[in-house]
Amino acid sequence: MTRSFRRMKRRKIRPYVPLEPREPAPVEKLVEEGLAIARHAIAMRVKNQVLVDILRQDGVFVADAYTGIIRDELERFASEQRTYAARMTEELSRVASRPGRSLHQHDYRTRDRATLELRRDGYVLLADALDEAGNDDEFIASVAESAREGAWREVSTTLEARLANQQQSAARDPRYEEDRSDRMRLVAEVDLDLLRKSQRSWGEIEDFDRWE
C-alpha cells in the first residue's frame, strides 16, 4: 500500500512596503497628549503610595511626601523625553546618507527626515512642558487630587465588597444572627474608624498652599 504525500505550497513572502507618508499631527497636540499620559501615570503611582501609607500609618499620611513624589516623577519623565530626543538626533545624522526605501519599520531613510525632526522636536517640547509642570503648584495639586480620589474609590469598593460578603454569609450561616453583634462591634472599631481617619486626613490635601 502506497501513501501519497501532498507537497505543501510555498508561501510567498511579500517584500516590506512602507506606508506612504501622512500629514503629521501638530507637535503641540503630541505634547498635549504626552503630558496627559504622564499625568495619568503619575496619579496612579501616587494613588498606590497613598494606599500603602494608609495601611502603614492607620489612615494618616504626610501631604508633603506626595508633592515630592509627583515632582520626582515629572523630572524622571522629562529626562526620558530628552533621551528620546537625543536618539532622534542620532538617527537624523545617519539618514542624511541613506536614500531609498525602508526595509522595515525602524529602517529610517532620507525620506523619513521630516518625521524624525517632528519626533525630536516633540520630545524636546514635552520635556520642557514636564519641567514646567513640576514648577506649577496647580498642576501638582490636580495630580494629588486625582490620586486621592482614586485611593478613596478603592477603599470604598473594598468596604462595600466586605459588607456584601457579610450579607451573603448571613443567608447561608444559621449562626449569623447570634454573632452579628460581635461583628458589628469589630466593624465599628476597625473599619469605620479607619474610614473616618482616612477621610479626615485626605481632606487636608485640599489645602495645597501648605505644600511647599
N, C-alpha and C. Protein backbone atom coordinates (compact mmCIF):
# COMPACT_ATOMS: atom_id res chain seq x y z
N MET A 1 0.85 -1.20 0.00
CA MET A 1 0.00 0.00 0.00
C MET A 1 0.89 1.25 0.00
N THR A 2 0.68 2.05 -0.90
CA THR A 2 1.50 3.26 -1.00
C THR A 2 0.71 4.47 -0.56
N ARG A 3 1.44 5.34 0.08
CA ARG A 3 0.81 6.59 0.53
C ARG A 3 1.28 7.73 -0.36
N SER A 4 0.37 8.56 -0.64
CA SER A 4 0.73 9.73 -1.44
C SER A 4 0.79 10.95 -0.53
N PHE A 5 1.85 11.68 -0.64
CA PHE A 5 2.04 12.88 0.18
C PHE A 5 1.84 14.11 -0.69
N ARG A 6 1.06 14.99 -0.15
CA ARG A 6 0.80 16.22 -0.90
C ARG A 6 1.83 17.27 -0.52
N ARG A 7 2.48 17.78 -1.49
CA ARG A 7 3.51 18.77 -1.24
C ARG A 7 2.88 20.08 -0.77
N MET A 8 3.46 20.60 0.32
CA MET A 8 2.97 21.87 0.85
C MET A 8 3.32 23.01 -0.11
N LYS A 9 2.36 23.86 -0.28
CA LYS A 9 2.61 25.01 -1.14
C LYS A 9 3.48 26.03 -0.42
N ARG A 10 4.42 26.54 -1.13
CA ARG A 10 5.27 27.57 -0.55
C ARG A 10 4.54 28.90 -0.49
N ARG A 11 4.67 29.52 0.67
CA ARG A 11 4.05 30.83 0.81
C ARG A 11 5.05 31.90 0.39
N LYS A 12 4.61 32.73 -0.46
CA LYS A 12 5.48 33.81 -0.90
C LYS A 12 5.45 34.95 0.11
N ILE A 13 6.63 35.32 0.54
CA ILE A 13 6.74 36.43 1.49
C ILE A 13 6.90 37.73 0.70
N ARG A 14 5.95 38.57 0.91
CA ARG A 14 5.99 39.83 0.17
C ARG A 14 7.04 40.77 0.77
N PRO A 15 7.69 41.53 -0.05
CA PRO A 15 8.67 42.49 0.47
C PRO A 15 7.99 43.58 1.29
N TYR A 16 8.74 44.13 2.23
CA TYR A 16 8.21 45.19 3.08
C TYR A 16 7.92 46.43 2.25
N VAL A 17 6.72 46.90 2.37
CA VAL A 17 6.31 48.11 1.64
C VAL A 17 5.95 49.17 2.66
N PRO A 18 6.78 50.18 2.83
CA PRO A 18 6.47 51.22 3.82
C PRO A 18 5.22 51.99 3.45
N LEU A 19 4.52 52.45 4.48
CA LEU A 19 3.32 53.23 4.24
C LEU A 19 3.69 54.58 3.65
N GLU A 20 2.81 55.08 2.87
CA GLU A 20 3.03 56.41 2.32
C GLU A 20 2.99 57.43 3.45
N PRO A 21 3.88 58.40 3.42
CA PRO A 21 3.90 59.40 4.50
C PRO A 21 2.59 60.15 4.60
N ARG A 22 2.12 60.31 5.84
CA ARG A 22 0.88 61.04 6.08
C ARG A 22 1.19 62.40 6.70
N GLU A 23 0.23 63.26 6.64
CA GLU A 23 0.40 64.57 7.26
C GLU A 23 0.54 64.39 8.76
N PRO A 24 1.68 64.75 9.35
CA PRO A 24 1.87 64.53 10.79
C PRO A 24 0.97 65.41 11.63
N ALA A 25 0.66 64.90 12.82
CA ALA A 25 -0.14 65.69 13.75
C ALA A 25 0.68 66.89 14.23
N PRO A 26 0.04 68.01 14.51
CA PRO A 26 0.77 69.17 15.02
C PRO A 26 1.54 68.80 16.28
N VAL A 27 2.76 69.33 16.39
CA VAL A 27 3.60 68.96 17.52
C VAL A 27 2.96 69.38 18.84
N GLU A 28 2.17 70.47 18.81
CA GLU A 28 1.51 70.91 20.04
C GLU A 28 0.53 69.86 20.55
N LYS A 29 -0.16 69.20 19.62
CA LYS A 29 -1.11 68.15 20.01
C LYS A 29 -0.38 66.96 20.61
N LEU A 30 0.78 66.60 20.03
CA LEU A 30 1.57 65.50 20.56
C LEU A 30 2.04 65.80 21.98
N VAL A 31 2.45 67.03 22.20
CA VAL A 31 2.90 67.42 23.54
C VAL A 31 1.75 67.37 24.53
N GLU A 32 0.59 67.86 24.12
CA GLU A 32 -0.59 67.84 24.99
C GLU A 32 -0.97 66.41 25.38
N GLU A 33 -0.96 65.51 24.40
CA GLU A 33 -1.30 64.12 24.67
C GLU A 33 -0.24 63.46 25.56
N GLY A 34 1.02 63.76 25.29
CA GLY A 34 2.09 63.19 26.11
C GLY A 34 2.01 63.64 27.55
N LEU A 35 1.68 64.91 27.77
CA LEU A 35 1.55 65.44 29.13
C LEU A 35 0.38 64.78 29.85
N ALA A 36 -0.72 64.53 29.12
CA ALA A 36 -1.88 63.88 29.72
C ALA A 36 -1.55 62.44 30.13
N ILE A 37 -0.79 61.74 29.29
CA ILE A 37 -0.39 60.37 29.61
C ILE A 37 0.50 60.35 30.84
N ALA A 38 1.46 61.27 30.90
CA ALA A 38 2.36 61.34 32.05
C ALA A 38 1.59 61.66 33.33
N ARG A 39 0.64 62.58 33.23
CA ARG A 39 -0.16 62.95 34.40
C ARG A 39 -0.92 61.76 34.94
N HIS A 40 -1.54 60.98 34.04
CA HIS A 40 -2.31 59.81 34.48
C HIS A 40 -1.39 58.78 35.14
N ALA A 41 -0.24 58.53 34.53
CA ALA A 41 0.69 57.54 35.09
C ALA A 41 1.18 57.95 36.47
N ILE A 42 1.46 59.24 36.65
CA ILE A 42 1.94 59.72 37.95
C ILE A 42 0.84 59.65 39.00
N ALA A 43 -0.38 59.99 38.60
CA ALA A 43 -1.51 59.90 39.54
C ALA A 43 -1.71 58.47 40.02
N MET A 44 -1.56 57.49 39.13
CA MET A 44 -1.67 56.09 39.51
C MET A 44 -0.56 55.70 40.47
N ARG A 45 0.64 56.18 40.20
CA ARG A 45 1.79 55.89 41.08
C ARG A 45 1.55 56.45 42.48
N VAL A 46 1.08 57.67 42.57
CA VAL A 46 0.83 58.29 43.86
C VAL A 46 -0.35 57.63 44.56
N LYS A 47 -1.38 57.25 43.81
CA LYS A 47 -2.54 56.57 44.40
C LYS A 47 -2.11 55.29 45.11
N ASN A 48 -1.24 54.52 44.46
CA ASN A 48 -0.76 53.28 45.07
C ASN A 48 0.03 53.56 46.34
N GLN A 49 0.81 54.65 46.34
CA GLN A 49 1.57 55.00 47.54
C GLN A 49 0.64 55.44 48.66
N VAL A 50 -0.42 56.15 48.32
CA VAL A 50 -1.40 56.57 49.33
C VAL A 50 -2.02 55.34 49.99
N LEU A 51 -2.38 54.34 49.20
CA LEU A 51 -2.99 53.13 49.75
C LEU A 51 -2.03 52.41 50.68
N VAL A 52 -0.76 52.34 50.30
CA VAL A 52 0.24 51.69 51.16
C VAL A 52 0.38 52.45 52.47
N ASP A 53 0.44 53.78 52.39
CA ASP A 53 0.61 54.59 53.59
C ASP A 53 -0.59 54.50 54.51
N ILE A 54 -1.78 54.36 53.94
CA ILE A 54 -2.99 54.23 54.77
C ILE A 54 -2.89 53.00 55.66
N LEU A 55 -2.41 51.91 55.09
CA LEU A 55 -2.28 50.67 55.86
C LEU A 55 -1.17 50.78 56.90
N ARG A 56 -0.07 51.43 56.54
CA ARG A 56 1.07 51.53 57.46
C ARG A 56 0.83 52.54 58.57
N GLN A 57 0.13 53.62 58.25
CA GLN A 57 0.01 54.74 59.18
C GLN A 57 -1.39 54.88 59.75
N ASP A 58 -2.18 53.84 59.67
CA ASP A 58 -3.52 53.85 60.26
C ASP A 58 -4.37 54.98 59.71
N GLY A 59 -4.29 55.18 58.40
CA GLY A 59 -5.15 56.16 57.76
C GLY A 59 -4.62 57.57 57.76
N VAL A 60 -3.38 57.79 58.21
CA VAL A 60 -2.81 59.14 58.27
C VAL A 60 -1.57 59.19 57.37
N PHE A 61 -1.39 60.28 56.67
CA PHE A 61 -0.19 60.42 55.84
C PHE A 61 0.26 61.88 55.84
N VAL A 62 1.50 62.08 55.37
CA VAL A 62 2.08 63.43 55.30
C VAL A 62 1.93 63.93 53.87
N ALA A 63 1.22 65.01 53.69
CA ALA A 63 0.92 65.52 52.35
C ALA A 63 2.19 65.89 51.58
N ASP A 64 3.19 66.44 52.27
CA ASP A 64 4.42 66.87 51.60
C ASP A 64 5.10 65.72 50.86
N ALA A 65 4.97 64.51 51.37
CA ALA A 65 5.63 63.37 50.73
C ALA A 65 5.12 63.15 49.32
N TYR A 66 3.85 63.38 49.09
CA TYR A 66 3.28 63.15 47.77
C TYR A 66 3.68 64.24 46.79
N THR A 67 3.86 65.45 47.28
CA THR A 67 4.35 66.52 46.42
C THR A 67 5.72 66.17 45.87
N GLY A 68 6.57 65.64 46.74
CA GLY A 68 7.91 65.23 46.32
C GLY A 68 7.88 64.12 45.28
N ILE A 69 7.00 63.14 45.49
CA ILE A 69 6.89 62.03 44.54
C ILE A 69 6.46 62.54 43.17
N ILE A 70 5.47 63.42 43.15
CA ILE A 70 4.97 63.94 41.88
C ILE A 70 6.07 64.69 41.13
N ARG A 71 6.80 65.54 41.84
CA ARG A 71 7.86 66.31 41.19
C ARG A 71 8.99 65.39 40.71
N ASP A 72 9.32 64.38 41.50
CA ASP A 72 10.37 63.44 41.08
C ASP A 72 9.96 62.68 39.82
N GLU A 73 8.69 62.27 39.76
CA GLU A 73 8.21 61.54 38.59
C GLU A 73 8.19 62.44 37.35
N LEU A 74 7.79 63.68 37.51
CA LEU A 74 7.81 64.62 36.38
C LEU A 74 9.24 64.82 35.87
N GLU A 75 10.17 64.92 36.79
CA GLU A 75 11.58 65.07 36.41
C GLU A 75 12.08 63.83 35.67
N ARG A 76 11.66 62.66 36.14
CA ARG A 76 12.09 61.41 35.50
C ARG A 76 11.53 61.31 34.08
N PHE A 77 10.24 61.64 33.93
CA PHE A 77 9.64 61.61 32.60
C PHE A 77 10.33 62.60 31.66
N ALA A 78 10.65 63.78 32.17
CA ALA A 78 11.32 64.79 31.34
C ALA A 78 12.69 64.29 30.88
N SER A 79 13.41 63.63 31.77
CA SER A 79 14.72 63.09 31.42
C SER A 79 14.60 62.02 30.33
N GLU A 80 13.56 61.20 30.42
CA GLU A 80 13.33 60.18 29.40
C GLU A 80 13.09 60.81 28.03
N GLN A 81 12.29 61.89 28.01
CA GLN A 81 11.98 62.54 26.74
C GLN A 81 13.24 63.12 26.10
N ARG A 82 14.14 63.65 26.91
CA ARG A 82 15.37 64.21 26.36
C ARG A 82 16.29 63.10 25.83
N THR A 83 16.23 61.94 26.45
CA THR A 83 16.97 60.79 25.93
C THR A 83 16.44 60.38 24.56
N TYR A 84 15.11 60.37 24.43
CA TYR A 84 14.49 60.03 23.14
C TYR A 84 14.86 61.08 22.09
N ALA A 85 14.88 62.34 22.48
CA ALA A 85 15.22 63.41 21.54
C ALA A 85 16.65 63.24 21.03
N ALA A 86 17.56 62.88 21.94
CA ALA A 86 18.95 62.66 21.54
C ALA A 86 19.06 61.49 20.56
N ARG A 87 18.23 60.47 20.76
CA ARG A 87 18.23 59.32 19.86
C ARG A 87 17.75 59.73 18.46
N MET A 88 16.74 60.60 18.41
CA MET A 88 16.25 61.07 17.12
C MET A 88 17.32 61.91 16.41
N THR A 89 18.09 62.68 17.19
CA THR A 89 19.16 63.47 16.60
C THR A 89 20.21 62.57 15.96
N GLU A 90 20.52 61.45 16.63
CA GLU A 90 21.47 60.49 16.07
C GLU A 90 20.93 59.88 14.78
N GLU A 91 19.64 59.55 14.79
CA GLU A 91 19.04 58.97 13.58
C GLU A 91 19.09 59.97 12.42
N LEU A 92 18.86 61.24 12.72
CA LEU A 92 18.89 62.26 11.67
C LEU A 92 20.27 62.36 11.03
N SER A 93 21.31 62.21 11.84
CA SER A 93 22.66 62.28 11.27
C SER A 93 22.95 61.07 10.38
N ARG A 94 22.29 59.94 10.66
CA ARG A 94 22.53 58.74 9.85
C ARG A 94 21.74 58.76 8.54
N VAL A 95 20.51 59.25 8.59
CA VAL A 95 19.66 59.16 7.39
C VAL A 95 20.11 60.12 6.29
N ALA A 96 20.96 61.07 6.63
CA ALA A 96 21.40 62.03 5.61
C ALA A 96 22.06 61.33 4.42
N SER A 97 22.72 60.20 4.68
CA SER A 97 23.42 59.47 3.61
C SER A 97 22.76 58.13 3.32
N ARG A 98 21.44 58.02 3.58
CA ARG A 98 20.74 56.75 3.36
C ARG A 98 19.48 56.97 2.53
N PRO A 99 19.63 57.13 1.23
CA PRO A 99 18.44 57.27 0.38
C PRO A 99 17.75 55.93 0.18
N GLY A 100 16.68 55.93 -0.58
CA GLY A 100 15.97 54.69 -0.89
C GLY A 100 14.78 54.45 0.02
N ARG A 101 14.21 53.24 -0.11
CA ARG A 101 13.02 52.87 0.66
C ARG A 101 13.42 52.03 1.87
N SER A 102 12.62 52.13 2.92
CA SER A 102 12.89 51.39 4.15
C SER A 102 12.68 49.90 3.94
N LEU A 103 13.51 49.09 4.63
CA LEU A 103 13.37 47.64 4.59
C LEU A 103 12.47 47.12 5.71
N HIS A 104 12.38 47.89 6.78
CA HIS A 104 11.50 47.52 7.90
C HIS A 104 11.09 48.79 8.63
N GLN A 105 10.29 48.62 9.68
CA GLN A 105 9.66 49.77 10.34
C GLN A 105 10.67 50.75 10.91
N HIS A 106 11.79 50.24 11.43
CA HIS A 106 12.77 51.11 12.08
C HIS A 106 13.99 51.38 11.19
N ASP A 107 13.84 51.09 9.92
CA ASP A 107 14.92 51.37 8.97
C ASP A 107 14.68 52.75 8.37
N TYR A 108 15.16 53.77 9.06
CA TYR A 108 14.90 55.14 8.64
C TYR A 108 15.79 55.53 7.47
N ARG A 109 15.20 56.26 6.54
CA ARG A 109 15.93 56.72 5.36
C ARG A 109 15.78 58.24 5.23
N THR A 110 16.41 58.77 4.19
CA THR A 110 16.39 60.22 3.98
C THR A 110 14.96 60.75 3.88
N ARG A 111 14.08 59.97 3.29
CA ARG A 111 12.68 60.40 3.13
C ARG A 111 11.96 60.50 4.47
N ASP A 112 12.55 59.94 5.54
CA ASP A 112 11.93 59.99 6.87
C ASP A 112 12.42 61.17 7.70
N ARG A 113 13.20 62.03 7.10
CA ARG A 113 13.80 63.13 7.85
C ARG A 113 12.76 64.01 8.54
N ALA A 114 11.70 64.36 7.83
CA ALA A 114 10.68 65.23 8.42
C ALA A 114 10.02 64.57 9.63
N THR A 115 9.78 63.26 9.54
CA THR A 115 9.17 62.54 10.66
C THR A 115 10.09 62.53 11.86
N LEU A 116 11.37 62.28 11.64
CA LEU A 116 12.34 62.25 12.73
C LEU A 116 12.49 63.63 13.38
N GLU A 117 12.47 64.67 12.56
CA GLU A 117 12.56 66.02 13.11
C GLU A 117 11.35 66.34 13.97
N LEU A 118 10.17 65.91 13.51
CA LEU A 118 8.95 66.14 14.29
C LEU A 118 9.03 65.42 15.63
N ARG A 119 9.50 64.18 15.62
CA ARG A 119 9.62 63.44 16.87
C ARG A 119 10.63 64.09 17.80
N ARG A 120 11.76 64.48 17.25
CA ARG A 120 12.78 65.14 18.08
C ARG A 120 12.22 66.40 18.72
N ASP A 121 11.58 67.23 17.92
CA ASP A 121 11.02 68.48 18.45
C ASP A 121 9.93 68.19 19.48
N GLY A 122 9.12 67.16 19.22
CA GLY A 122 8.06 66.81 20.16
C GLY A 122 8.62 66.36 21.50
N TYR A 123 9.67 65.53 21.47
CA TYR A 123 10.28 65.07 22.71
C TYR A 123 10.87 66.24 23.51
N VAL A 124 11.53 67.15 22.81
CA VAL A 124 12.13 68.31 23.49
C VAL A 124 11.05 69.18 24.12
N LEU A 125 10.00 69.47 23.37
CA LEU A 125 8.92 70.32 23.89
C LEU A 125 8.17 69.64 25.03
N LEU A 126 7.99 68.32 24.93
CA LEU A 126 7.32 67.61 26.02
C LEU A 126 8.17 67.63 27.28
N ALA A 127 9.48 67.48 27.13
CA ALA A 127 10.37 67.56 28.29
C ALA A 127 10.27 68.93 28.94
N ASP A 128 10.23 69.98 28.12
CA ASP A 128 10.09 71.34 28.67
C ASP A 128 8.74 71.50 29.39
N ALA A 129 7.68 70.92 28.80
CA ALA A 129 6.35 71.02 29.42
C ALA A 129 6.31 70.28 30.76
N LEU A 130 7.00 69.14 30.84
CA LEU A 130 7.05 68.38 32.09
C LEU A 130 7.83 69.15 33.16
N ASP A 131 8.92 69.80 32.74
CA ASP A 131 9.68 70.63 33.68
C ASP A 131 8.81 71.78 34.20
N GLU A 132 8.07 72.38 33.30
CA GLU A 132 7.19 73.49 33.69
C GLU A 132 6.10 73.01 34.64
N ALA A 133 5.56 71.82 34.37
CA ALA A 133 4.52 71.26 35.25
C ALA A 133 5.07 71.01 36.65
N GLY A 134 6.35 70.63 36.73
CA GLY A 134 6.95 70.38 38.04
C GLY A 134 7.06 71.63 38.90
N ASN A 135 7.01 72.80 38.26
CA ASN A 135 7.05 74.07 39.00
C ASN A 135 5.68 74.73 39.11
N ASP A 136 4.65 74.01 38.67
CA ASP A 136 3.29 74.54 38.68
C ASP A 136 2.52 73.93 39.86
N ASP A 137 2.27 74.74 40.89
CA ASP A 137 1.59 74.23 42.09
C ASP A 137 0.18 73.73 41.77
N GLU A 138 -0.50 74.38 40.84
CA GLU A 138 -1.85 73.95 40.49
C GLU A 138 -1.84 72.58 39.81
N PHE A 139 -0.86 72.36 38.95
CA PHE A 139 -0.75 71.06 38.28
C PHE A 139 -0.44 69.98 39.32
N ILE A 140 0.50 70.25 40.21
CA ILE A 140 0.84 69.29 41.27
C ILE A 140 -0.40 68.98 42.10
N ALA A 141 -1.17 70.02 42.42
CA ALA A 141 -2.38 69.83 43.23
C ALA A 141 -3.40 68.97 42.51
N SER A 142 -3.55 69.17 41.20
CA SER A 142 -4.54 68.40 40.45
C SER A 142 -4.15 66.93 40.38
N VAL A 143 -2.87 66.64 40.25
CA VAL A 143 -2.41 65.25 40.24
C VAL A 143 -2.65 64.60 41.60
N ALA A 144 -2.34 65.33 42.67
CA ALA A 144 -2.56 64.80 44.01
C ALA A 144 -4.04 64.54 44.27
N GLU A 145 -4.89 65.43 43.78
CA GLU A 145 -6.33 65.25 43.97
C GLU A 145 -6.83 64.02 43.22
N SER A 146 -6.33 63.82 42.01
CA SER A 146 -6.72 62.62 41.25
C SER A 146 -6.28 61.36 41.97
N ALA A 147 -5.09 61.39 42.55
CA ALA A 147 -4.59 60.24 43.30
C ALA A 147 -5.44 60.00 44.55
N ARG A 148 -5.81 61.08 45.23
CA ARG A 148 -6.64 60.95 46.44
C ARG A 148 -7.99 60.34 46.11
N GLU A 149 -8.60 60.84 45.03
CA GLU A 149 -9.91 60.32 44.63
C GLU A 149 -9.82 58.84 44.24
N GLY A 150 -8.75 58.48 43.53
CA GLY A 150 -8.58 57.08 43.14
C GLY A 150 -8.40 56.17 44.33
N ALA A 151 -7.61 56.61 45.31
CA ALA A 151 -7.40 55.81 46.51
C ALA A 151 -8.70 55.67 47.30
N TRP A 152 -9.44 56.76 47.40
CA TRP A 152 -10.71 56.72 48.13
C TRP A 152 -11.69 55.76 47.48
N ARG A 153 -11.73 55.75 46.14
CA ARG A 153 -12.62 54.82 45.44
C ARG A 153 -12.25 53.37 45.74
N GLU A 154 -10.96 53.08 45.79
CA GLU A 154 -10.54 51.70 46.05
C GLU A 154 -10.89 51.28 47.47
N VAL A 155 -10.68 52.18 48.44
CA VAL A 155 -11.03 51.87 49.83
C VAL A 155 -12.53 51.65 49.95
N SER A 156 -13.32 52.53 49.33
CA SER A 156 -14.77 52.40 49.39
C SER A 156 -15.24 51.09 48.77
N THR A 157 -14.64 50.74 47.62
CA THR A 157 -15.02 49.50 46.95
C THR A 157 -14.71 48.29 47.81
N THR A 158 -13.56 48.33 48.50
CA THR A 158 -13.18 47.21 49.37
C THR A 158 -14.16 47.05 50.52
N LEU A 159 -14.55 48.17 51.13
CA LEU A 159 -15.50 48.10 52.24
C LEU A 159 -16.87 47.61 51.76
N GLU A 160 -17.30 48.09 50.61
CA GLU A 160 -18.59 47.65 50.07
C GLU A 160 -18.57 46.15 49.77
N ALA A 161 -17.45 45.66 49.23
CA ALA A 161 -17.34 44.23 48.93
C ALA A 161 -17.38 43.41 50.21
N ARG A 162 -16.74 43.93 51.26
CA ARG A 162 -16.73 43.21 52.54
C ARG A 162 -18.14 43.14 53.13
N LEU A 163 -18.87 44.24 53.05
CA LEU A 163 -20.24 44.24 53.56
C LEU A 163 -21.14 43.31 52.75
N ALA A 164 -20.94 43.31 51.42
CA ALA A 164 -21.74 42.42 50.57
C ALA A 164 -21.45 40.96 50.89
N ASN A 165 -20.19 40.66 51.19
CA ASN A 165 -19.82 39.29 51.54
C ASN A 165 -20.47 38.87 52.86
N GLN A 166 -20.54 39.82 53.79
CA GLN A 166 -21.20 39.52 55.07
C GLN A 166 -22.69 39.25 54.86
N GLN A 167 -23.31 39.99 53.96
CA GLN A 167 -24.73 39.77 53.69
C GLN A 167 -24.96 38.39 53.08
N GLN A 168 -24.05 37.96 52.20
CA GLN A 168 -24.18 36.63 51.62
C GLN A 168 -23.98 35.55 52.68
N SER A 169 -23.06 35.81 53.60
CA SER A 169 -22.84 34.84 54.68
C SER A 169 -24.06 34.72 55.57
N ALA A 170 -24.77 35.82 55.73
CA ALA A 170 -25.96 35.81 56.58
C ALA A 170 -27.01 34.87 56.03
N ALA A 171 -27.11 34.81 54.71
CA ALA A 171 -28.13 33.95 54.10
C ALA A 171 -27.78 32.47 54.22
N ARG A 172 -26.46 32.18 54.39
CA ARG A 172 -26.05 30.78 54.43
C ARG A 172 -25.80 30.27 55.84
N ASP A 173 -25.39 31.14 56.74
CA ASP A 173 -24.96 30.71 58.08
C ASP A 173 -26.10 30.89 59.08
N PRO A 174 -26.58 29.81 59.68
CA PRO A 174 -27.67 29.94 60.65
C PRO A 174 -27.23 30.65 61.93
N ARG A 175 -25.92 30.70 62.22
CA ARG A 175 -25.44 31.36 63.43
C ARG A 175 -25.11 32.83 63.19
N TYR A 176 -25.41 33.30 62.00
CA TYR A 176 -25.05 34.68 61.66
C TYR A 176 -25.66 35.68 62.63
N GLU A 177 -26.94 35.52 62.93
CA GLU A 177 -27.62 36.47 63.82
C GLU A 177 -27.03 36.42 65.22
N GLU A 178 -26.59 35.24 65.67
CA GLU A 178 -26.02 35.14 67.01
C GLU A 178 -24.72 35.93 67.12
N ASP A 179 -23.91 35.89 66.06
CA ASP A 179 -22.61 36.56 66.09
C ASP A 179 -22.66 37.98 65.53
N ARG A 180 -23.83 38.43 65.15
CA ARG A 180 -23.94 39.72 64.47
C ARG A 180 -23.44 40.87 65.34
N SER A 181 -23.76 40.87 66.60
CA SER A 181 -23.36 41.98 67.47
C SER A 181 -21.84 42.09 67.57
N ASP A 182 -21.16 40.93 67.66
CA ASP A 182 -19.69 40.96 67.73
C ASP A 182 -19.09 41.49 66.43
N ARG A 183 -19.64 41.09 65.31
CA ARG A 183 -19.11 41.55 64.03
C ARG A 183 -19.33 43.05 63.85
N MET A 184 -20.48 43.53 64.22
CA MET A 184 -20.75 44.96 64.07
C MET A 184 -19.85 45.78 64.97
N ARG A 185 -19.52 45.23 66.13
CA ARG A 185 -18.60 45.94 67.03
C ARG A 185 -17.21 46.05 66.39
N LEU A 186 -16.76 44.96 65.75
CA LEU A 186 -15.46 44.99 65.08
C LEU A 186 -15.46 45.96 63.91
N VAL A 187 -16.56 45.97 63.16
CA VAL A 187 -16.65 46.92 62.04
C VAL A 187 -16.56 48.35 62.55
N ALA A 188 -17.27 48.63 63.63
CA ALA A 188 -17.27 49.98 64.18
C ALA A 188 -15.90 50.37 64.70
N GLU A 189 -15.20 49.41 65.33
CA GLU A 189 -13.91 49.71 65.94
C GLU A 189 -12.78 49.78 64.92
N VAL A 190 -12.86 48.97 63.87
CA VAL A 190 -11.74 48.86 62.93
C VAL A 190 -12.06 49.56 61.61
N ASP A 191 -13.02 49.03 60.85
CA ASP A 191 -13.27 49.54 59.51
C ASP A 191 -13.73 50.99 59.51
N LEU A 192 -14.75 51.30 60.32
CA LEU A 192 -15.31 52.65 60.29
C LEU A 192 -14.34 53.65 60.88
N ASP A 193 -13.57 53.23 61.88
CA ASP A 193 -12.59 54.15 62.47
C ASP A 193 -11.51 54.49 61.44
N LEU A 194 -11.04 53.46 60.72
CA LEU A 194 -10.04 53.70 59.69
C LEU A 194 -10.61 54.57 58.58
N LEU A 195 -11.86 54.34 58.23
CA LEU A 195 -12.50 55.12 57.19
C LEU A 195 -12.59 56.59 57.58
N ARG A 196 -12.96 56.85 58.84
CA ARG A 196 -13.06 58.24 59.29
C ARG A 196 -11.70 58.92 59.27
N LYS A 197 -10.67 58.20 59.76
CA LYS A 197 -9.34 58.79 59.79
C LYS A 197 -8.84 59.08 58.38
N SER A 198 -9.10 58.14 57.46
CA SER A 198 -8.65 58.33 56.08
C SER A 198 -9.33 59.53 55.46
N GLN A 199 -10.64 59.63 55.65
CA GLN A 199 -11.39 60.73 55.04
C GLN A 199 -10.97 62.06 55.63
N ARG A 200 -10.72 62.08 56.95
CA ARG A 200 -10.32 63.33 57.59
C ARG A 200 -8.93 63.75 57.12
N SER A 201 -8.01 62.78 57.00
CA SER A 201 -6.66 63.10 56.57
C SER A 201 -6.63 63.56 55.13
N TRP A 202 -7.40 62.88 54.26
CA TRP A 202 -7.41 63.25 52.85
C TRP A 202 -7.99 64.63 52.64
N GLY A 203 -8.87 65.05 53.53
CA GLY A 203 -9.43 66.39 53.39
C GLY A 203 -8.38 67.46 53.53
N GLU A 204 -7.28 67.16 54.26
CA GLU A 204 -6.24 68.15 54.45
C GLU A 204 -5.49 68.44 53.15
N ILE A 205 -5.55 67.51 52.20
CA ILE A 205 -4.84 67.73 50.93
C ILE A 205 -5.42 68.92 50.19
N GLU A 206 -6.66 69.24 50.44
CA GLU A 206 -7.30 70.32 49.70
C GLU A 206 -6.63 71.67 49.97
N ASP A 207 -5.88 71.76 51.06
CA ASP A 207 -5.18 73.00 51.36
C ASP A 207 -3.77 72.91 50.76
N PHE A 208 -3.65 73.17 49.47
CA PHE A 208 -2.39 72.96 48.78
C PHE A 208 -1.40 74.09 49.03
N ASP A 209 -1.82 75.16 49.68
CA ASP A 209 -0.88 76.24 49.95
C ASP A 209 0.22 75.79 50.90
N ARG A 210 -0.05 74.72 51.65
CA ARG A 210 0.94 74.26 52.63
C ARG A 210 1.91 73.27 52.00
N TRP A 211 1.74 72.99 50.70
CA TRP A 211 2.61 72.01 50.03
C TRP A 211 3.87 72.68 49.48
N GLU A 212 4.63 73.31 50.30
CA GLU A 212 5.85 73.99 49.84
C GLU A 212 7.07 73.18 50.23
